[in-house]
């Protein structure tokens, strides 16, 4: 009986299998390295492109900085000019306000009441005067409620005062002026002109 030794054949096959596995592993490793290298190359190129784009953008920003500053200056000046124009408009709108208010005061003033001092401070009017009695002052305060710019009048001082042997009442009234109610009135200057003779009659 012939005996064949198969051990060398098996060993050779095992070596061949190992060589194939090593070759596959080596090829896989090479392809992986190539792929990683390619991806790194692309990423690096993108990084460089982004940096260049950022540099170009920064240069443009620096180039436009003076223009942006000028625009900001124009905006600030525009706001300042708008405020000044608003003040001028208000001044022009209310330049006849004292005439209107004086006319209104004289219209609301009872016969037996006289003004001794009128003082305007900002948007507040202080009225000082004398009257024959308390009822006349109360009437005057009630009349002022019918006046749009003077309706918030408040009595802050009331005391007796002798003048030429007469017992009179001295008073002080403070009025926060409601100037926003005046523009419609000021649109008709003829009303103000008509009111001037009344002021002389009642004053």
C-alpha atoms as a PDB file:
ATOM      1  CA  UNK A   1       0.000   0.000   0.000  1.00  0.00           C
ATOM      2  CA  UNK A   2       1.336   3.396  -1.070  1.00  0.00           C
ATOM      3  CA  UNK A   3       1.271   6.201   1.528  1.00  0.00           C
ATOM      4  CA  UNK A   4       1.315   9.856   0.430  1.00  0.00           C
ATOM      5  CA  UNK A   5       2.447  12.525   2.829  1.00  0.00           C
ATOM      6  CA  UNK A   6      -0.011  15.479   2.426  1.00  0.00           C
ATOM      7  CA  UNK A   7       1.534  17.696   5.126  1.00  0.00           C
ATOM      8  CA  UNK A   8       3.755  19.716   2.760  1.00  0.00           C
ATOM      9  CA  UNK A   9       0.790  20.364   0.483  1.00  0.00           C
ATOM     10  CA  UNK A  10      -1.332  21.593   3.352  1.00  0.00           C
ATOM     11  CA  UNK A  11       1.503  23.784   4.602  1.00  0.00           C
ATOM     12  CA  UNK A  12       1.939  25.234   1.131  1.00  0.00           C
ATOM     13  CA  UNK A  13      -1.767  25.959   0.868  1.00  0.00           C
ATOM     14  CA  UNK A  14      -1.726  27.586   4.270  1.00  0.00           C
ATOM     15  CA  UNK A  15       1.177  29.786   3.205  1.00  0.00           C
ATOM     16  CA  UNK A  16      -0.610  30.712  -0.010  1.00  0.00           C
ATOM     17  CA  UNK A  17      -3.746  31.655   1.930  1.00  0.00           C
ATOM     18  CA  UNK A  18      -1.718  33.790   4.312  1.00  0.00           C
ATOM     19  CA  UNK A  19       0.000  35.510   1.360  1.00  0.00           C
ATOM     20  CA  UNK A  20      -3.368  36.274  -0.203  1.00  0.00           C
ATOM     21  CA  UNK A  21      -4.694  37.683   3.060  1.00  0.00           C
ATOM     22  CA  UNK A  22      -1.579  39.802   3.482  1.00  0.00           C
ATOM     23  CA  UNK A  23      -1.879  41.031  -0.105  1.00  0.00           C
ATOM     24  CA  UNK A  24      -5.544  41.942   0.405  1.00  0.00           C
ATOM     25  CA  UNK A  25      -4.712  43.692   3.674  1.00  0.00           C
ATOM     26  CA  UNK A  26      -1.813  45.553   2.037  1.00  0.00           C
ATOM     27  CA  UNK A  27      -3.964  46.634  -0.905  1.00  0.00           C
ATOM     28  CA  UNK A  28      -6.732  47.701   1.436  1.00  0.00           C
ATOM     29  CA  UNK A  29      -4.260  49.671   3.531  1.00  0.00           C
ATOM     30  CA  UNK A  30      -2.790  51.305   0.427  1.00  0.00           C
ATOM     31  CA  UNK A  31      -6.236  52.276  -0.885  1.00  0.00           C
ATOM     32  CA  UNK A  32      -7.206  53.559   2.548  1.00  0.00           C
ATOM     33  CA  UNK A  33      -4.065  55.707   2.747  1.00  0.00           C
ATOM     34  CA  UNK A  34      -4.673  56.989  -0.777  1.00  0.00           C
ATOM     35  CA  UNK A  35      -8.299  57.814   0.073  1.00  0.00           C
ATOM     36  CA  UNK A  36      -7.299  59.557   3.305  1.00  0.00           C
ATOM     37  CA  UNK A  37      -4.601  61.451   1.405  1.00  0.00           C
ATOM     38  CA  UNK A  38      -7.098  62.527  -1.244  1.00  0.00           C
ATOM     39  CA  UNK A  39      -9.642  63.647   1.361  1.00  0.00           C
ATOM     40  CA  UNK A  40      -6.929  65.499   3.284  1.00  0.00           C
ATOM     41  CA  UNK A  41      -5.795  67.156   0.048  1.00  0.00           C
ATOM     42  CA  UNK A  42      -9.347  68.294  -0.727  1.00  0.00           C
ATOM     43  CA  UNK A  43      -9.912  69.503   2.834  1.00  0.00           C
ATOM     44  CA  UNK A  44      -6.584  71.335   2.788  1.00  0.00           C
ATOM     45  CA  UNK A  45      -7.475  72.996  -0.504  1.00  0.00           C
ATOM     46  CA  UNK A  46     -10.856  74.036   0.885  1.00  0.00           C
ATOM     47  CA  UNK A  47      -9.151  75.366   4.002  1.00  0.00           C
ATOM     48  CA  UNK A  48      -6.756  77.417   1.875  1.00  0.00           C
ATOM     49  CA  UNK A  49      -9.645  78.650  -0.314  1.00  0.00           C
ATOM     50  CA  UNK A  50     -11.650  79.660   2.766  1.00  0.00           C
ATOM     51  CA  UNK A  51      -8.674  81.503   4.214  1.00  0.00           C
ATOM     52  CA  UNK A  52      -8.153  83.333   0.944  1.00  0.00           C
ATOM     53  CA  UNK A  53     -11.850  84.217   0.800  1.00  0.00           C
ATOM     54  CA  UNK A  54     -11.703  85.479   4.402  1.00  0.00           C
ATOM     55  CA  UNK A  55      -8.652  87.586   3.588  1.00  0.00           C
ATOM     56  CA  UNK A  56     -10.384  89.046   0.520  1.00  0.00           C
ATOM     57  CA  UNK A  57     -13.504  89.763   2.592  1.00  0.00           C
ATOM     58  CA  UNK A  58     -11.430  91.441   5.326  1.00  0.00           C
ATOM     59  CA  UNK A  59      -9.735  93.584   2.685  1.00  0.00           C
ATOM     60  CA  UNK A  60     -13.134  94.596   1.319  1.00  0.00           C
ATOM     61  CA  UNK A  61     -14.367  95.387   4.843  1.00  0.00           C
ATOM     62  CA  UNK A  62     -11.311  97.540   5.462  1.00  0.00           C
ATOM     63  CA  UNK A  63     -11.892  99.201   2.101  1.00  0.00           C
ATOM     64  CA  UNK A  64     -15.526  99.973   2.997  1.00  0.00           C
ATOM     65  CA  UNK A  65     -14.790 100.985   6.612  1.00  0.00           C
ATOM     66  CA  UNK A  66     -14.500 104.710   5.791  1.00  0.00           C
ATOM     67  CA  UNK A  67     -17.742 104.542   3.785  1.00  0.00           C
ATOM     68  CA  UNK A  68     -19.515 102.748   6.653  1.00  0.00           C
ATOM     69  CA  UNK A  69     -18.236 105.370   9.103  1.00  0.00           C
ATOM     70  CA  UNK A  70     -19.519 108.133   6.839  1.00  0.00           C
ATOM     71  CA  UNK A  71     -22.913 106.434   6.644  1.00  0.00           C
ATOM     72  CA  UNK A  72     -23.013 106.161  10.452  1.00  0.00           C
ATOM     73  CA  UNK A  73     -22.069 109.845  10.708  1.00  0.00           C
ATOM     74  CA  UNK A  74     -24.827 110.739   8.248  1.00  0.00           C
ATOM     75  CA  UNK A  75     -27.335 108.711  10.276  1.00  0.00           C
ATOM     76  CA  UNK A  76     -26.245 110.427  13.506  1.00  0.00           C
ATOM     77  CA  UNK A  77     -26.413 113.860  11.872  1.00  0.00           C
ATOM     78  CA  UNK A  78     -29.813 112.992  10.409  1.00  0.00           C
ATOM     79  CA  UNK A  79     -31.116 112.144  13.891  1.00  0.00           C
ATOM     80  CA  UNK A  80     -29.678 115.382  15.290  1.00  0.00           C
ATOM     81  CA  UNK A  81     -31.145 117.430  12.437  1.00  0.00           C
ATOM     82  CA  UNK A  82     -34.523 115.681  12.866  1.00  0.00           C
ATOM     83  CA  UNK A  83     -34.513 116.624  16.557  1.00  0.00           C
ATOM     84  CA  UNK A  84     -33.639 120.239  15.718  1.00  0.00           C
ATOM     85  CA  UNK A  85     -36.335 120.357  13.046  1.00  0.00           C
ATOM     86  CA  UNK A  86     -38.836 118.939  15.549  1.00  0.00           C
ATOM     87  CA  UNK A  87     -37.895 121.655  18.050  1.00  0.00           C
ATOM     88  CA  UNK A  88     -38.203 124.348  15.364  1.00  0.00           C
ATOM     89  CA  UNK A  89     -41.600 122.990  14.291  1.00  0.00           C
ATOM     90  CA  UNK A  90     -42.801 123.003  17.915  1.00  0.00           C
ATOM     91  CA  UNK A  91     -41.493 126.533  18.428  1.00  0.00           C
ATOM     92  CA  UNK A  92     -43.206 127.708  15.264  1.00  0.00           C
ATOM     93  CA  UNK A  93     -46.381 125.829  16.143  1.00  0.00           C
ATOM     94  CA  UNK A  94     -46.566 127.303  19.630  1.00  0.00           C
ATOM     95  CA  UNK A  95     -45.185 130.790  19.018  1.00  0.00           C
ATOM     96  CA  UNK A  96     -48.715 132.205  19.243  1.00  0.00           C
ATOM     97  CA  UNK A  97     -49.558 130.026  22.245  1.00  0.00           C
ATOM     98  CA  UNK A  98     -49.093 132.840  24.823  1.00  0.00           C
ATOM     99  CA  UNK A  99     -51.625 134.992  22.950  1.00  0.00           C
ATOM    100  CA  UNK A 100     -54.121 132.145  22.827  1.00  0.00           C
ATOM    101  CA  UNK A 101     -53.620 131.316  26.506  1.00  0.00           C
ATOM    102  CA  UNK A 102     -53.959 134.960  27.595  1.00  0.00           C
ATOM    103  CA  UNK A 103     -57.095 135.292  25.527  1.00  0.00           C
ATOM    104  CA  UNK A 104     -58.489 132.100  27.058  1.00  0.00           C
ATOM    105  CA  UNK A 105     -57.637 133.299  30.561  1.00  0.00           C
ATOM    106  CA  UNK A 106     -59.493 136.546  30.045  1.00  0.00           C
ATOM    107  CA  UNK A 107     -62.496 134.714  28.658  1.00  0.00           C
ATOM    108  CA  UNK A 108     -62.662 132.457  31.728  1.00  0.00           C
ATOM    109  CA  UNK A 109     -61.954 135.241  34.264  1.00  0.00           C
ATOM    110  CA  UNK A 110     -64.922 136.410  36.366  1.00  0.00           C
ATOM    111  CA  UNK A 111     -65.587 140.138  36.610  1.00  0.00           C
ATOM    112  CA  UNK A 112     -64.486 140.546  40.219  1.00  0.00           C
ATOM    113  CA  UNK A 113     -61.113 138.870  39.782  1.00  0.00           C
ATOM    114  CA  UNK A 114     -57.837 140.449  38.664  1.00  0.00           C
ATOM    115  CA  UNK A 115     -54.458 139.045  37.699  1.00  0.00           C
ATOM    116  CA  UNK A 116     -51.364 140.408  39.428  1.00  0.00           C
ATOM    117  CA  UNK A 117     -48.766 138.111  37.865  1.00  0.00           C
ATOM    118  CA  UNK A 118     -48.568 135.480  35.135  1.00  0.00           C
ATOM    119  CA  UNK A 119     -45.403 133.400  34.985  1.00  0.00           C
ATOM    120  CA  UNK A 120     -44.667 130.660  32.480  1.00  0.00           C
ATOM    121  CA  UNK A 121     -41.950 128.124  33.237  1.00  0.00           C
ATOM    122  CA  UNK A 122     -41.537 125.350  30.680  1.00  0.00           C
ATOM    123  CA  UNK A 123     -44.995 123.870  30.295  1.00  0.00           C
ATOM    124  CA  UNK A 124     -46.378 125.277  33.535  1.00  0.00           C
ATOM    125  CA  UNK A 125     -48.240 128.543  34.056  1.00  0.00           C
ATOM    126  CA  UNK A 126     -48.467 130.178  37.486  1.00  0.00           C
ATOM    127  CA  UNK A 127     -51.362 132.611  37.871  1.00  0.00           C
ATOM    128  CA  UNK A 128     -51.362 135.036  40.782  1.00  0.00           C
ATOM    129  CA  UNK A 129     -54.167 137.467  41.471  1.00  0.00           C
ATOM    130  CA  UNK A 130     -56.815 138.840  43.801  1.00  0.00           C
ATOM    131  CA  UNK A 131     -60.567 138.401  43.999  1.00  0.00           C
ATOM    132  CA  UNK A 132     -63.370 139.842  46.060  1.00  0.00           C
ATOM    133  CA  UNK A 133     -64.225 136.510  47.689  1.00  0.00           C
ATOM    134  CA  UNK A 134     -63.588 132.763  47.672  1.00  0.00           C
ATOM    135  CA  UNK A 135     -66.658 132.051  45.523  1.00  0.00           C
ATOM    136  CA  UNK A 136     -65.195 134.134  42.690  1.00  0.00           C
ATOM    137  CA  UNK A 137     -61.974 132.106  42.801  1.00  0.00           C
ATOM    138  CA  UNK A 138     -63.932 128.847  42.783  1.00  0.00           C
ATOM    139  CA  UNK A 139     -65.887 130.108  39.775  1.00  0.00           C
ATOM    140  CA  UNK A 140     -62.643 130.929  38.003  1.00  0.00           C
ATOM    141  CA  UNK A 141     -61.269 127.429  38.702  1.00  0.00           C
ATOM    142  CA  UNK A 142     -64.456 125.856  37.366  1.00  0.00           C
ATOM    143  CA  UNK A 143     -64.267 128.069  34.271  1.00  0.00           C
ATOM    144  CA  UNK A 144     -60.702 126.925  33.628  1.00  0.00           C
ATOM    145  CA  UNK A 145     -61.934 123.343  33.349  1.00  0.00           C
ATOM    146  CA  UNK A 146     -63.584 124.424  30.084  1.00  0.00           C
ATOM    147  CA  UNK A 147     -60.213 125.539  28.711  1.00  0.00           C
ATOM    148  CA  UNK A 148     -58.341 122.771  26.853  1.00  0.00           C
ATOM    149  CA  UNK A 149     -54.804 124.038  27.633  1.00  0.00           C
ATOM    150  CA  UNK A 150     -55.655 125.122  31.227  1.00  0.00           C
ATOM    151  CA  UNK A 151     -58.085 122.424  32.391  1.00  0.00           C
ATOM    152  CA  UNK A 152     -55.642 120.966  34.956  1.00  0.00           C
ATOM    153  CA  UNK A 153     -55.500 124.166  37.027  1.00  0.00           C
ATOM    154  CA  UNK A 154     -54.865 123.685  40.743  1.00  0.00           C
ATOM    155  CA  UNK A 155     -55.185 126.206  43.586  1.00  0.00           C
ATOM    156  CA  UNK A 156     -51.941 126.271  45.592  1.00  0.00           C
ATOM    157  CA  UNK A 157     -52.366 129.469  47.660  1.00  0.00           C
ATOM    158  CA  UNK A 158     -55.365 131.271  49.120  1.00  0.00           C
ATOM    159  CA  UNK A 159     -55.182 133.954  51.787  1.00  0.00           C
ATOM    160  CA  UNK A 160     -56.850 137.178  52.846  1.00  0.00           C
ATOM    161  CA  UNK A 161     -55.305 140.512  51.916  1.00  0.00           C
ATOM    162  CA  UNK A 162     -56.307 144.084  52.757  1.00  0.00           C
ATOM    163  CA  UNK A 163     -56.130 146.664  50.001  1.00  0.00           C
ATOM    164  CA  UNK A 164     -57.509 150.189  50.397  1.00  0.00           C
ATOM    165  CA  UNK A 165     -59.471 149.081  53.460  1.00  0.00           C
ATOM    166  CA  UNK A 166     -61.025 146.249  51.459  1.00  0.00           C
ATOM    167  CA  UNK A 167     -60.839 142.627  52.535  1.00  0.00           C
ATOM    168  CA  UNK A 168     -59.787 140.747  49.408  1.00  0.00           C
ATOM    169  CA  UNK A 169     -58.596 137.229  48.632  1.00  0.00           C
ATOM    170  CA  UNK A 170     -55.139 136.636  47.238  1.00  0.00           C
ATOM    171  CA  UNK A 171     -54.588 133.411  45.277  1.00  0.00           C
ATOM    172  CA  UNK A 172     -52.036 131.462  43.279  1.00  0.00           C
ATOM    173  CA  UNK A 173     -53.033 128.851  40.717  1.00  0.00           C
ATOM    174  CA  UNK A 174     -50.702 126.494  38.906  1.00  0.00           C
ATOM    175  CA  UNK A 175     -51.655 125.182  35.468  1.00  0.00           C
ATOM    176  CA  UNK A 176     -49.763 122.413  33.653  1.00  0.00           C
ATOM    177  CA  UNK A 177     -50.169 123.608  30.052  1.00  0.00           C
ATOM    178  CA  UNK A 178     -51.690 121.107  27.625  1.00  0.00           C
ATOM    179  CA  UNK A 179     -49.939 122.532  24.541  1.00  0.00           C
ATOM    180  CA  UNK A 180     -50.894 119.579  22.358  1.00  0.00           C
ATOM    181  CA  UNK A 181     -54.441 120.913  22.343  1.00  0.00           C
ATOM    182  CA  UNK A 182     -53.314 124.213  20.823  1.00  0.00           C
ATOM    183  CA  UNK A 183     -52.337 123.469  17.162  1.00  0.00           C
ATOM    184  CA  UNK A 184     -55.937 123.336  15.930  1.00  0.00           C
ATOM    185  CA  UNK A 185     -56.584 126.650  17.623  1.00  0.00           C
ATOM    186  CA  UNK A 186     -53.445 128.172  16.171  1.00  0.00           C
ATOM    187  CA  UNK A 187     -54.501 127.262  12.629  1.00  0.00           C
ATOM    188  CA  UNK A 188     -57.030 130.118  12.746  1.00  0.00           C
ATOM    189  CA  UNK A 189     -55.091 133.277  13.631  1.00  0.00           C
ATOM    190  CA  UNK A 190     -58.235 135.367  13.022  1.00  0.00           C
ATOM    191  CA  UNK A 191     -59.610 133.905  16.236  1.00  0.00           C
ATOM    192  CA  UNK A 192     -56.565 135.234  18.059  1.00  0.00           C
ATOM    193  CA  UNK A 193     -56.949 138.669  16.479  1.00  0.00           C
ATOM    194  CA  UNK A 194     -60.609 138.740  17.467  1.00  0.00           C
ATOM    195  CA  UNK A 195     -59.614 137.791  21.000  1.00  0.00           C
ATOM    196  CA  UNK A 196     -57.240 140.724  21.528  1.00  0.00           C
ATOM    197  CA  UNK A 197     -59.956 143.355  22.080  1.00  0.00           C
ATOM    198  CA  UNK A 198     -61.594 141.012  24.615  1.00  0.00           C
ATOM    199  CA  UNK A 199     -58.333 140.884  26.507  1.00  0.00           C
ATOM    200  CA  UNK A 200     -58.266 144.674  26.741  1.00  0.00           C
ATOM    201  CA  UNK A 201     -61.912 144.811  27.783  1.00  0.00           C
ATOM    202  CA  UNK A 202     -61.572 142.203  30.550  1.00  0.00           C
ATOM    203  CA  UNK A 203     -58.083 143.143  31.640  1.00  0.00           C
END
